[in-house]
Amino acid sequence: MTTALLEVEDLQKSFGGLRAVGGLSFSVQRGEVLGLLGPNGSGKTTALNLVSGALAASGGRIHFDGRRIDGQAPHHIARAGVARTFQLVRVLPGMTALDNVQVGMAFRTAPAFGAAARDEAMALLERVGLAPRAQLPAGELTYIDQKRLELARALALRPRLLLLDEWLAGLNPTELRQGIGLIEALRRDGLTIVLVEHVMEAVRALCDRCVVMSAGLRLAVGRTAEVLADPAVVDVYLGRAHA
């Protein structure tokens, strides 16, 4: 009996004559952190867009918790329990940080409104370190704080699968340690995570397994230490300095 929460099989996406993802297959086990790695332009973000419904696949299948979700609208996939952050942060700039998080609660299976939503949103802002800025317009937050806000809004969906697209990029060393600790805490809470990341310190600290992509194809998959030592991965992605 499989314990996979997410199963991606022969996933494909083309834009005209350009193949962005070609025959990608992988699974994500319940409770694990899976790294989705690869050079810029390798198809990682496109793969997340396909899983979350932001893009329609050209071919292949995606099953979440045993149910096929490819072809479904993003809000249906979100309601099923898949939340994400974006490589380019997307907040509602004219709304407060608190209101941004409360918006996420309207789209889950059991929506929350009013005082209950406010209390839960404040707890999430506290968790990501933004409680003191709850009443600031999101557009006035720093870029890093907007990333924290986007994570809090994703968590407001109470997801079972969280897709993080370079969420740790651009952090200073202290912020990076805090970010790694937060993701570790989410995993301890039982959340399953797919992590697109270039920060190798975070990949090594967080990821149980990794899938490496190159030119839209799967180059390697396996335990993190083994994958990062794979000569093909070193040559295409890491470079000898990281071997």
C-alpha atoms as a PDB file:
ATOM      1  CA  MET A   1       0.000   0.000   0.000  1.00  0.00           C
ATOM      2  CA  THR A   2       1.484   3.312  -1.093  1.00  0.00           C
ATOM      3  CA  THR A   3       1.987   6.131   1.379  1.00  0.00           C
ATOM      4  CA  ALA A   4       2.408   8.703  -1.398  1.00  0.00           C
ATOM      5  CA  LEU A   5       0.353  11.860  -0.961  1.00  0.00           C
ATOM      6  CA  LEU A   6       1.298  13.223  -4.394  1.00  0.00           C
ATOM      7  CA  GLU A   7       1.996  11.143  -7.488  1.00  0.00           C
ATOM      8  CA  VAL A   8       3.129  12.747 -10.731  1.00  0.00           C
ATOM      9  CA  GLU A   9       3.268  10.489 -13.774  1.00  0.00           C
ATOM     10  CA  ASP A  10       4.642  11.355 -17.226  1.00  0.00           C
ATOM     11  CA  LEU A  11       3.837  15.039 -16.720  1.00  0.00           C
ATOM     12  CA  GLN A  12       4.280  17.200 -19.803  1.00  0.00           C
ATOM     13  CA  LYS A  13       3.962  20.869 -20.667  1.00  0.00           C
ATOM     14  CA  SER A  14       4.847  22.622 -23.898  1.00  0.00           C
ATOM     15  CA  PHE A  15       4.524  26.252 -24.897  1.00  0.00           C
ATOM     16  CA  GLY A  16       4.260  26.174 -28.649  1.00  0.00           C
ATOM     17  CA  GLY A  17       7.370  24.337 -29.787  1.00  0.00           C
ATOM     18  CA  LEU A  18       9.146  24.737 -26.437  1.00  0.00           C
ATOM     19  CA  ARG A  19       9.077  21.758 -24.101  1.00  0.00           C
ATOM     20  CA  ALA A  20       9.132  23.076 -20.531  1.00  0.00           C
ATOM     21  CA  VAL A  21       8.409  19.727 -18.830  1.00  0.00           C
ATOM     22  CA  GLY A  22       8.795  16.427 -20.624  1.00  0.00           C
ATOM     23  CA  GLY A  23       7.647  13.142 -19.098  1.00  0.00           C
ATOM     24  CA  LEU A  24       8.328  14.075 -15.463  1.00  0.00           C
ATOM     25  CA  SER A  25       7.460  11.417 -12.870  1.00  0.00           C
ATOM     26  CA  PHE A  26       7.947  11.448  -9.101  1.00  0.00           C
ATOM     27  CA  SER A  27       6.045  10.809  -5.885  1.00  0.00           C
ATOM     28  CA  VAL A  28       5.960  12.600  -2.545  1.00  0.00           C
ATOM     29  CA  GLN A  29       5.442  10.506   0.570  1.00  0.00           C
ATOM     30  CA  ARG A  30       3.223  11.687   3.392  1.00  0.00           C
ATOM     31  CA  GLY A  31       5.171  13.765   5.887  1.00  0.00           C
ATOM     32  CA  GLU A  32       8.363  14.127   3.846  1.00  0.00           C
ATOM     33  CA  VAL A  33      10.162  17.160   2.467  1.00  0.00           C
ATOM     34  CA  LEU A  34      11.047  16.614  -1.177  1.00  0.00           C
ATOM     35  CA  GLY A  35      13.510  18.905  -2.912  1.00  0.00           C
ATOM     36  CA  LEU A  36      12.836  19.801  -6.541  1.00  0.00           C
ATOM     37  CA  LEU A  37      16.183  20.995  -7.862  1.00  0.00           C
ATOM     38  CA  GLY A  38      17.789  22.003 -11.119  1.00  0.00           C
ATOM     39  CA  PRO A  39      19.398  24.865 -13.027  1.00  0.00           C
ATOM     40  CA  ASN A  40      17.415  27.962 -13.899  1.00  0.00           C
ATOM     41  CA  GLY A  41      15.050  27.159 -16.752  1.00  0.00           C
ATOM     42  CA  SER A  42      14.941  23.442 -15.984  1.00  0.00           C
ATOM     43  CA  GLY A  43      11.157  23.391 -15.463  1.00  0.00           C
ATOM     44  CA  LYS A  44      10.848  23.377 -11.661  1.00  0.00           C
ATOM     45  CA  THR A  45       8.433  26.286 -11.326  1.00  0.00           C
ATOM     46  CA  THR A  46       6.451  25.037 -14.307  1.00  0.00           C
ATOM     47  CA  ALA A  47       6.093  21.696 -12.521  1.00  0.00           C
ATOM     48  CA  LEU A  48       4.746  23.459  -9.415  1.00  0.00           C
ATOM     49  CA  ASN A  49       2.360  25.452 -11.592  1.00  0.00           C
ATOM     50  CA  LEU A  50       1.048  22.204 -13.060  1.00  0.00           C
ATOM     51  CA  VAL A  51       0.550  20.595  -9.652  1.00  0.00           C
ATOM     52  CA  SER A  52      -1.236  23.669  -8.246  1.00  0.00           C
ATOM     53  CA  GLY A  53      -3.412  24.127 -11.338  1.00  0.00           C
ATOM     54  CA  ALA A  54      -1.940  27.482 -12.361  1.00  0.00           C
ATOM     55  CA  LEU A  55      -1.115  25.828 -15.700  1.00  0.00           C
ATOM     56  CA  ALA A  56      -2.887  23.025 -17.549  1.00  0.00           C
ATOM     57  CA  ALA A  57      -0.727  20.033 -18.411  1.00  0.00           C
ATOM     58  CA  SER A  58      -0.158  19.018 -22.024  1.00  0.00           C
ATOM     59  CA  GLY A  59      -0.071  15.393 -20.924  1.00  0.00           C
ATOM     60  CA  GLY A  60       0.405  13.072 -17.978  1.00  0.00           C
ATOM     61  CA  ARG A  61      -1.403  12.595 -14.684  1.00  0.00           C
ATOM     62  CA  ILE A  62      -1.295  14.108 -11.201  1.00  0.00           C
ATOM     63  CA  HIS A  63      -2.904  12.332  -8.253  1.00  0.00           C
ATOM     64  CA  PHE A  64      -3.282  13.968  -4.840  1.00  0.00           C
ATOM     65  CA  ASP A  65      -4.320  11.672  -2.000  1.00  0.00           C
ATOM     66  CA  GLY A  66      -5.455   9.109  -4.548  1.00  0.00           C
ATOM     67  CA  ARG A  67      -7.595  11.561  -6.503  1.00  0.00           C
ATOM     68  CA  ARG A  68      -6.698  12.854  -9.950  1.00  0.00           C
ATOM     69  CA  ILE A  69      -6.308  16.644  -9.937  1.00  0.00           C
ATOM     70  CA  ASP A  70      -4.671  17.526 -13.266  1.00  0.00           C
ATOM     71  CA  GLY A  71      -7.035  19.692 -15.254  1.00  0.00           C
ATOM     72  CA  GLN A  72      -8.821  21.037 -12.173  1.00  0.00           C
ATOM     73  CA  ALA A  73      -9.076  24.748 -11.400  1.00  0.00           C
ATOM     74  CA  PRO A  74      -6.548  26.145  -8.891  1.00  0.00           C
ATOM     75  CA  HIS A  75      -9.208  26.942  -6.267  1.00  0.00           C
ATOM     76  CA  HIS A  76     -10.473  23.355  -6.368  1.00  0.00           C
ATOM     77  CA  ILE A  77      -6.933  22.043  -5.893  1.00  0.00           C
ATOM     78  CA  ALA A  78      -6.352  24.516  -3.046  1.00  0.00           C
ATOM     79  CA  ARG A  79      -9.569  23.425  -1.362  1.00  0.00           C
ATOM     80  CA  ALA A  80      -8.444  19.797  -1.679  1.00  0.00           C
ATOM     81  CA  GLY A  81      -5.412  20.657   0.473  1.00  0.00           C
ATOM     82  CA  VAL A  82      -2.612  21.984  -1.767  1.00  0.00           C
ATOM     83  CA  ALA A  83      -1.161  25.430  -0.944  1.00  0.00           C
ATOM     84  CA  ARG A  84       1.819  27.233  -2.401  1.00  0.00           C
ATOM     85  CA  THR A  85       4.064  30.261  -2.364  1.00  0.00           C
ATOM     86  CA  PHE A  86       5.401  31.890  -5.521  1.00  0.00           C
ATOM     87  CA  GLN A  87       8.899  32.633  -6.763  1.00  0.00           C
ATOM     88  CA  LEU A  88       7.706  36.192  -7.411  1.00  0.00           C
ATOM     89  CA  VAL A  89       5.799  37.133  -4.266  1.00  0.00           C
ATOM     90  CA  ARG A  90       2.077  37.769  -4.692  1.00  0.00           C
ATOM     91  CA  VAL A  91       0.451  39.709  -1.867  1.00  0.00           C
ATOM     92  CA  LEU A  92      -2.574  42.022  -1.829  1.00  0.00           C
ATOM     93  CA  PRO A  93      -0.631  45.276  -1.330  1.00  0.00           C
ATOM     94  CA  GLY A  94      -3.513  47.528  -0.274  1.00  0.00           C
ATOM     95  CA  MET A  95      -4.738  45.158   2.446  1.00  0.00           C
ATOM     96  CA  THR A  96      -3.123  44.732   5.845  1.00  0.00           C
ATOM     97  CA  ALA A  97      -0.959  41.739   6.578  1.00  0.00           C
ATOM     98  CA  LEU A  98      -3.706  40.435   8.854  1.00  0.00           C
ATOM     99  CA  ASP A  99      -6.353  40.745   6.148  1.00  0.00           C
ATOM    100  CA  ASN A 100      -4.078  39.028   3.619  1.00  0.00           C
ATOM    101  CA  VAL A 101      -3.940  35.962   5.851  1.00  0.00           C
ATOM    102  CA  GLN A 102      -7.659  36.011   6.583  1.00  0.00           C
ATOM    103  CA  VAL A 103      -8.374  35.968   2.848  1.00  0.00           C
ATOM    104  CA  GLY A 104      -6.771  32.530   2.640  1.00  0.00           C
ATOM    105  CA  MET A 105      -9.218  31.148   5.173  1.00  0.00           C
ATOM    106  CA  ALA A 106     -12.188  31.768   2.887  1.00  0.00           C
ATOM    107  CA  PHE A 107     -11.016  29.189   0.349  1.00  0.00           C
ATOM    108  CA  ARG A 108     -10.482  26.108   2.463  1.00  0.00           C
ATOM    109  CA  THR A 109     -12.877  23.238   3.108  1.00  0.00           C
ATOM    110  CA  ALA A 110     -13.970  24.701   6.462  1.00  0.00           C
ATOM    111  CA  PRO A 111     -13.850  28.494   5.983  1.00  0.00           C
ATOM    112  CA  ALA A 112     -13.341  30.835   8.924  1.00  0.00           C
ATOM    113  CA  PHE A 113     -14.647  34.386   9.275  1.00  0.00           C
ATOM    114  CA  GLY A 114     -14.928  37.108  11.889  1.00  0.00           C
ATOM    115  CA  ALA A 115     -13.219  36.877  15.266  1.00  0.00           C
ATOM    116  CA  ALA A 116     -12.211  33.242  14.811  1.00  0.00           C
ATOM    117  CA  ALA A 117     -10.459  34.055  11.540  1.00  0.00           C
ATOM    118  CA  ARG A 118      -8.736  37.062  13.087  1.00  0.00           C
ATOM    119  CA  ASP A 119      -7.399  35.033  16.014  1.00  0.00           C
ATOM    120  CA  GLU A 120      -6.133  32.273  13.736  1.00  0.00           C
ATOM    121  CA  ALA A 121      -4.547  34.790  11.360  1.00  0.00           C
ATOM    122  CA  MET A 122      -2.730  36.478  14.242  1.00  0.00           C
ATOM    123  CA  ALA A 123      -1.403  33.106  15.389  1.00  0.00           C
ATOM    124  CA  LEU A 124      -0.075  32.423  11.892  1.00  0.00           C
ATOM    125  CA  LEU A 125       1.547  35.850  11.681  1.00  0.00           C
ATOM    126  CA  GLU A 126       3.155  35.151  15.060  1.00  0.00           C
ATOM    127  CA  ARG A 127       4.456  31.848  13.748  1.00  0.00           C
ATOM    128  CA  VAL A 128       6.211  33.449  10.766  1.00  0.00           C
ATOM    129  CA  GLY A 129       7.462  36.412  12.818  1.00  0.00           C
ATOM    130  CA  LEU A 130       5.096  39.081  11.482  1.00  0.00           C
ATOM    131  CA  ALA A 131       2.711  39.691  14.399  1.00  0.00           C
ATOM    132  CA  PRO A 132       4.127  43.197  15.114  1.00  0.00           C
ATOM    133  CA  ARG A 133       3.367  44.174  11.496  1.00  0.00           C
ATOM    134  CA  ALA A 134      -0.166  42.760  11.371  1.00  0.00           C
ATOM    135  CA  GLN A 135      -1.811  46.140  10.708  1.00  0.00           C
ATOM    136  CA  LEU A 136       0.662  47.345   8.088  1.00  0.00           C
ATOM    137  CA  PRO A 137      -0.426  47.337   4.441  1.00  0.00           C
ATOM    138  CA  ALA A 138       1.242  44.374   2.749  1.00  0.00           C
ATOM    139  CA  GLY A 139       2.715  46.708   0.129  1.00  0.00           C
ATOM    140  CA  GLU A 140       4.746  48.470   2.824  1.00  0.00           C
ATOM    141  CA  LEU A 141       6.441  45.291   4.027  1.00  0.00           C
ATOM    142  CA  THR A 142       9.972  44.448   2.963  1.00  0.00           C
ATOM    143  CA  TYR A 143      10.383  41.775   0.311  1.00  0.00           C
ATOM    144  CA  ILE A 144      11.460  39.215   2.919  1.00  0.00           C
ATOM    145  CA  ASP A 145       8.462  40.040   5.109  1.00  0.00           C
ATOM    146  CA  GLN A 146       6.173  39.706   2.101  1.00  0.00           C
ATOM    147  CA  LYS A 147       7.560  36.197   1.635  1.00  0.00           C
ATOM    148  CA  ARG A 148       6.766  35.453   5.271  1.00  0.00           C
ATOM    149  CA  LEU A 149       3.273  36.834   4.738  1.00  0.00           C
ATOM    150  CA  GLU A 150       2.723  34.661   1.689  1.00  0.00           C
ATOM    151  CA  LEU A 151       3.693  31.604   3.719  1.00  0.00           C
ATOM    152  CA  ALA A 152       1.266  32.555   6.495  1.00  0.00           C
ATOM    153  CA  ARG A 153      -1.505  32.951   3.909  1.00  0.00           C
ATOM    154  CA  ALA A 154      -0.689  29.536   2.429  1.00  0.00           C
ATOM    155  CA  LEU A 155      -0.828  27.980   5.904  1.00  0.00           C
ATOM    156  CA  ALA A 156      -4.226  29.631   6.431  1.00  0.00           C
ATOM    157  CA  LEU A 157      -5.603  27.071   3.960  1.00  0.00           C
ATOM    158  CA  ARG A 158      -4.642  24.327   6.437  1.00  0.00           C
ATOM    159  CA  PRO A 159      -2.983  22.417   3.604  1.00  0.00           C
ATOM    160  CA  ARG A 160      -1.753  18.848   3.607  1.00  0.00           C
ATOM    161  CA  LEU A 161       0.750  19.611   0.843  1.00  0.00           C
ATOM    162  CA  LEU A 162       2.772  22.833   0.753  1.00  0.00           C
ATOM    163  CA  LEU A 163       4.654  23.885  -2.387  1.00  0.00           C
ATOM    164  CA  LEU A 164       7.471  26.347  -1.661  1.00  0.00           C
ATOM    165  CA  ASP A 165       9.068  28.043  -4.683  1.00  0.00           C
ATOM    166  CA  GLU A 166      12.466  29.416  -3.581  1.00  0.00           C
ATOM    167  CA  TRP A 167      10.966  30.642  -0.320  1.00  0.00           C
ATOM    168  CA  LEU A 168      14.382  30.732   1.343  1.00  0.00           C
ATOM    169  CA  ALA A 169      16.101  32.693  -1.440  1.00  0.00           C
ATOM    170  CA  GLY A 170      17.539  36.071  -0.496  1.00  0.00           C
ATOM    171  CA  LEU A 171      17.654  35.500   3.260  1.00  0.00           C
ATOM    172  CA  ASN A 172      20.657  36.534   5.314  1.00  0.00           C
ATOM    173  CA  PRO A 173      22.330  33.809   7.420  1.00  0.00           C
ATOM    174  CA  THR A 174      20.206  34.514  10.513  1.00  0.00           C
ATOM    175  CA  GLU A 175      16.980  34.603   8.506  1.00  0.00           C
ATOM    176  CA  LEU A 176      17.994  31.414   6.717  1.00  0.00           C
ATOM    177  CA  ARG A 177      18.460  29.545   9.993  1.00  0.00           C
ATOM    178  CA  GLN A 178      15.078  30.809  11.161  1.00  0.00           C
ATOM    179  CA  GLY A 179      13.476  29.787   7.872  1.00  0.00           C
ATOM    180  CA  ILE A 180      14.953  26.297   8.033  1.00  0.00           C
ATOM    181  CA  GLY A 181      13.705  25.983  11.612  1.00  0.00           C
ATOM    182  CA  LEU A 182      10.210  27.044  10.583  1.00  0.00           C
ATOM    183  CA  ILE A 183      10.055  24.484   7.766  1.00  0.00           C
ATOM    184  CA  GLU A 184      11.347  21.797  10.125  1.00  0.00           C
ATOM    185  CA  ALA A 185       8.559  22.695  12.564  1.00  0.00           C
ATOM    186  CA  LEU A 186       5.951  22.455   9.798  1.00  0.00           C
ATOM    187  CA  ARG A 187       7.228  18.995   8.917  1.00  0.00           C
ATOM    188  CA  ARG A 188       7.038  17.942  12.578  1.00  0.00           C
ATOM    189  CA  ASP A 189       3.410  19.051  12.507  1.00  0.00           C
ATOM    190  CA  GLY A 190       2.814  16.502   9.750  1.00  0.00           C
ATOM    191  CA  LEU A 191       2.852  18.803   6.715  1.00  0.00           C
ATOM    192  CA  THR A 192       4.173  17.354   3.454  1.00  0.00           C
ATOM    193  CA  ILE A 193       6.385  19.809   1.545  1.00  0.00           C
ATOM    194  CA  VAL A 194       7.819  20.124  -1.964  1.00  0.00           C
ATOM    195  CA  LEU A 195      10.690  22.590  -1.872  1.00  0.00           C
ATOM    196  CA  VAL A 196      12.126  24.280  -4.978  1.00  0.00           C
ATOM    197  CA  GLU A 197      15.401  25.689  -3.738  1.00  0.00           C
ATOM    198  CA  HIS A 198      18.929  26.667  -4.782  1.00  0.00           C
ATOM    199  CA  VAL A 199      20.297  27.171  -1.251  1.00  0.00           C
ATOM    200  CA  MET A 200      22.240  23.947  -0.689  1.00  0.00           C
ATOM    201  CA  GLU A 201      22.474  24.467   3.077  1.00  0.00           C
ATOM    202  CA  ALA A 202      18.691  24.345   3.232  1.00  0.00           C
ATOM    203  CA  VAL A 203      18.414  21.421   0.815  1.00  0.00           C
ATOM    204  CA  ARG A 204      20.842  19.328   2.840  1.00  0.00           C
ATOM    205  CA  ALA A 205      19.199  20.263   6.153  1.00  0.00           C
ATOM    206  CA  LEU A 206      15.584  19.784   5.122  1.00  0.00           C
ATOM    207  CA  CYS A 207      15.097  17.411   2.208  1.00  0.00           C
ATOM    208  CA  ASP A 208      14.601  13.680   2.735  1.00  0.00           C
ATOM    209  CA  ARG A 209      14.807  13.069  -1.006  1.00  0.00           C
ATOM    210  CA  CYS A 210      15.434  15.176  -4.098  1.00  0.00           C
ATOM    211  CA  VAL A 211      14.307  15.199  -7.707  1.00  0.00           C
ATOM    212  CA  VAL A 212      16.735  16.970 -10.038  1.00  0.00           C
ATOM    213  CA  MET A 213      15.481  18.382 -13.328  1.00  0.00           C
ATOM    214  CA  SER A 214      17.408  19.465 -16.396  1.00  0.00           C
ATOM    215  CA  ALA A 215      15.844  20.891 -19.573  1.00  0.00           C
ATOM    216  CA  GLY A 216      12.397  19.746 -18.471  1.00  0.00           C
ATOM    217  CA  LEU A 217      13.452  16.162 -17.809  1.00  0.00           C
ATOM    218  CA  ARG A 218      14.148  14.238 -14.619  1.00  0.00           C
ATOM    219  CA  LEU A 219      17.897  13.859 -14.284  1.00  0.00           C
ATOM    220  CA  ALA A 220      18.049  12.087 -10.910  1.00  0.00           C
ATOM    221  CA  VAL A 221      15.893  11.092  -7.944  1.00  0.00           C
ATOM    222  CA  GLY A 222      16.783   9.599  -4.561  1.00  0.00           C
ATOM    223  CA  ARG A 223      18.047  10.335  -1.077  1.00  0.00           C
ATOM    224  CA  THR A 224      19.462  13.838  -0.846  1.00  0.00           C
ATOM    225  CA  ALA A 225      23.100  12.971  -0.103  1.00  0.00           C
ATOM    226  CA  GLU A 226      23.182  10.385  -2.884  1.00  0.00           C
ATOM    227  CA  VAL A 227      21.583  12.674  -5.457  1.00  0.00           C
ATOM    228  CA  LEU A 228      23.873  15.593  -4.663  1.00  0.00           C
ATOM    229  CA  ALA A 229      26.882  13.290  -5.083  1.00  0.00           C
ATOM    230  CA  ASP A 230      25.679  11.967  -8.461  1.00  0.00           C
ATOM    231  CA  PRO A 231      28.310  12.956 -11.083  1.00  0.00           C
ATOM    232  CA  ALA A 232      25.605  13.919 -13.596  1.00  0.00           C
ATOM    233  CA  VAL A 233      23.985  16.246 -11.054  1.00  0.00           C
ATOM    234  CA  VAL A 234      27.346  17.756 -10.129  1.00  0.00           C
ATOM    235  CA  ASP A 235      28.177  18.410 -13.776  1.00  0.00           C
ATOM    236  CA  VAL A 236      24.818  19.836 -14.823  1.00  0.00           C
ATOM    237  CA  TYR A 237      23.735  21.675 -11.703  1.00  0.00           C
ATOM    238  CA  LEU A 238      26.066  21.973  -8.734  1.00  0.00           C
ATOM    239  CA  GLY A 239      29.515  22.368 -10.218  1.00  0.00           C
ATOM    240  CA  ARG A 240      32.613  20.784  -8.760  1.00  0.00           C
ATOM    241  CA  ALA A 241      32.793  23.249  -5.856  1.00  0.00           C
ATOM    242  CA  HIS A 242      29.755  21.559  -4.297  1.00  0.00           C
ATOM    243  CA  ALA A 243      30.791  17.968  -4.945  1.00  0.00           C
END
